[in-house]
Amino acid sequence: MELWMKGDNGCIISVLNLINIIIIIIIIIIIIIIIIIIIIIIIIIIIIIIIIIIIIIIIIIIIIIIIIIIIIIIIIIIIIIIIMLNKY
């Protein structure tokens, strides 16, 4: 049993067809929302990966700087010891 609705412009629209159209529109909107959410999640993951890479690079640079400083200090100490030994 179909329900019929008369539109303002005189054309007759089936209520069931209208319901089908509304369901299709809702499904399309849900799909669009899911796609947007997936895109946002991917962007967030990419940003997190970039941040982690930057942090790792910074840590490596800090370690290299510390190693260089330690080497310089050791060289200076060795030079001082050699100078002290030469004096006596």
C-alpha atoms as a PDB file:
ATOM      1  CA  MET A   1       0.000   0.000   0.000  1.00  0.00           C
ATOM      2  CA  GLU A   2       1.597   3.266  -1.122  1.00  0.00           C
ATOM      3  CA  LEU A   3       0.879   6.668   0.376  1.00  0.00           C
ATOM      4  CA  TRP A   4       0.590   9.514  -2.110  1.00  0.00           C
ATOM      5  CA  MET A   5       1.324  13.177  -1.482  1.00  0.00           C
ATOM      6  CA  LYS A   6       0.333  16.003  -3.854  1.00  0.00           C
ATOM      7  CA  GLY A   7       3.081  18.592  -4.315  1.00  0.00           C
ATOM      8  CA  ASP A   8       2.462  22.360  -4.605  1.00  0.00           C
ATOM      9  CA  ASN A   9       3.179  22.399  -8.353  1.00  0.00           C
ATOM     10  CA  GLY A  10       0.549  19.736  -9.010  1.00  0.00           C
ATOM     11  CA  CYS A  11       2.886  16.743  -9.474  1.00  0.00           C
ATOM     12  CA  ILE A  12       2.262  13.651  -7.361  1.00  0.00           C
ATOM     13  CA  ILE A  13       5.219  12.264  -5.369  1.00  0.00           C
ATOM     14  CA  SER A  14       5.234   8.827  -3.761  1.00  0.00           C
ATOM     15  CA  VAL A  15       5.952   9.021  -0.035  1.00  0.00           C
ATOM     16  CA  LEU A  16       7.932   5.763  -0.315  1.00  0.00           C
ATOM     17  CA  ASN A  17      10.107   7.294  -3.074  1.00  0.00           C
ATOM     18  CA  LEU A  18      10.634  10.343  -0.850  1.00  0.00           C
ATOM     19  CA  ILE A  19      11.676   8.052   2.045  1.00  0.00           C
ATOM     20  CA  ASN A  20      14.070   6.184  -0.291  1.00  0.00           C
ATOM     21  CA  ILE A  21      15.617   9.485  -1.432  1.00  0.00           C
ATOM     22  CA  ILE A  22      16.022  10.619   2.207  1.00  0.00           C
ATOM     23  CA  ILE A  23      17.664   7.268   3.122  1.00  0.00           C
ATOM     24  CA  ILE A  24      20.072   7.570   0.151  1.00  0.00           C
ATOM     25  CA  ILE A  25      20.957  11.163   1.166  1.00  0.00           C
ATOM     26  CA  ILE A  26      21.564  10.045   4.786  1.00  0.00           C
ATOM     27  CA  ILE A  27      23.796   7.158   3.584  1.00  0.00           C
ATOM     28  CA  ILE A  28      25.786   9.563   1.353  1.00  0.00           C
ATOM     29  CA  ILE A  29      26.210  12.007   4.283  1.00  0.00           C
ATOM     30  CA  ILE A  30      27.373   9.150   6.578  1.00  0.00           C
ATOM     31  CA  ILE A  31      29.889   7.969   3.928  1.00  0.00           C
ATOM     32  CA  ILE A  32      31.212  11.551   3.524  1.00  0.00           C
ATOM     33  CA  ILE A  33      31.550  11.911   7.333  1.00  0.00           C
ATOM     34  CA  ILE A  34      33.411   8.559   7.553  1.00  0.00           C
ATOM     35  CA  ILE A  35      35.772   9.619   4.724  1.00  0.00           C
ATOM     36  CA  ILE A  36      36.435  12.979   6.465  1.00  0.00           C
ATOM     37  CA  ILE A  37      37.129  11.188   9.792  1.00  0.00           C
ATOM     38  CA  ILE A  38      39.532   8.753   8.049  1.00  0.00           C
ATOM     39  CA  ILE A  39      41.349  11.685   6.360  1.00  0.00           C
ATOM     40  CA  ILE A  40      41.627  13.522   9.721  1.00  0.00           C
ATOM     41  CA  ILE A  41      42.999  10.357  11.417  1.00  0.00           C
ATOM     42  CA  ILE A  42      45.561   9.885   8.601  1.00  0.00           C
ATOM     43  CA  ILE A  43      46.643  13.563   8.907  1.00  0.00           C
ATOM     44  CA  ILE A  44      46.987  13.210  12.716  1.00  0.00           C
ATOM     45  CA  ILE A  45      49.071  10.007  12.295  1.00  0.00           C
ATOM     46  CA  ILE A  46      51.326  11.747   9.727  1.00  0.00           C
ATOM     47  CA  ILE A  47      51.779  14.749  12.078  1.00  0.00           C
ATOM     48  CA  ILE A  48      52.637  12.404  15.007  1.00  0.00           C
ATOM     49  CA  ILE A  49      55.179  10.524  12.831  1.00  0.00           C
ATOM     50  CA  ILE A  50      56.764  13.840  11.726  1.00  0.00           C
ATOM     51  CA  ILE A  51      56.959  15.024  15.376  1.00  0.00           C
ATOM     52  CA  ILE A  52      58.571  11.696  16.434  1.00  0.00           C
ATOM     53  CA  ILE A  53      61.119  11.955  13.578  1.00  0.00           C
ATOM     54  CA  ILE A  54      61.941  15.571  14.570  1.00  0.00           C
ATOM     55  CA  ILE A  55      62.369  14.527  18.242  1.00  0.00           C
ATOM     56  CA  ILE A  56      64.663  11.617  17.209  1.00  0.00           C
ATOM     57  CA  ILE A  57      66.746  13.979  15.012  1.00  0.00           C
ATOM     58  CA  ILE A  58      67.022  16.497  17.897  1.00  0.00           C
ATOM     59  CA  ILE A  59      68.084  13.703  20.313  1.00  0.00           C
ATOM     60  CA  ILE A  60      70.716  12.459  17.810  1.00  0.00           C
ATOM     61  CA  ILE A  61      72.045  16.032  17.357  1.00  0.00           C
ATOM     62  CA  ILE A  62      72.209  16.506  21.164  1.00  0.00           C
ATOM     63  CA  ILE A  63      74.055  13.160  21.566  1.00  0.00           C
ATOM     64  CA  ILE A  64      76.535  14.134  18.795  1.00  0.00           C
ATOM     65  CA  ILE A  65      77.119  17.549  20.446  1.00  0.00           C
ATOM     66  CA  ILE A  66      77.666  15.872  23.861  1.00  0.00           C
ATOM     67  CA  ILE A  67      80.128  13.367  22.308  1.00  0.00           C
ATOM     68  CA  ILE A  68      82.021  16.219  20.571  1.00  0.00           C
ATOM     69  CA  ILE A  69      82.162  18.197  23.854  1.00  0.00           C
ATOM     70  CA  ILE A  70      83.434  15.103  25.742  1.00  0.00           C
ATOM     71  CA  ILE A  71      86.102  14.483  23.050  1.00  0.00           C
ATOM     72  CA  ILE A  72      87.196  18.161  23.211  1.00  0.00           C
ATOM     73  CA  ILE A  73      87.375  18.002  27.039  1.00  0.00           C
ATOM     74  CA  ILE A  74      89.425  14.764  26.885  1.00  0.00           C
ATOM     75  CA  ILE A  75      91.806  16.329  24.308  1.00  0.00           C
ATOM     76  CA  ILE A  76      92.200  19.458  26.493  1.00  0.00           C
ATOM     77  CA  ILE A  77      92.884  17.292  29.588  1.00  0.00           C
ATOM     78  CA  ILE A  78      95.476  15.229  27.645  1.00  0.00           C
ATOM     79  CA  ILE A  79      97.164  18.436  26.391  1.00  0.00           C
ATOM     80  CA  ILE A  80      97.231  19.849  29.949  1.00  0.00           C
ATOM     81  CA  ILE A  81      98.696  16.573  31.302  1.00  0.00           C
ATOM     82  CA  ILE A  82     101.378  16.559  28.549  1.00  0.00           C
ATOM     83  CA  ILE A  83     102.262  20.209  29.307  1.00  0.00           C
ATOM     84  CA  MET A  84     102.414  19.475  33.059  1.00  0.00           C
ATOM     85  CA  LEU A  85     104.616  16.396  32.470  1.00  0.00           C
ATOM     86  CA  ASN A  86     106.950  18.413  30.232  1.00  0.00           C
ATOM     87  CA  LYS A  87     107.389  21.099  32.913  1.00  0.00           C
ATOM     88  CA  TYR A  88     108.577  18.596  35.523  1.00  0.00           C
END
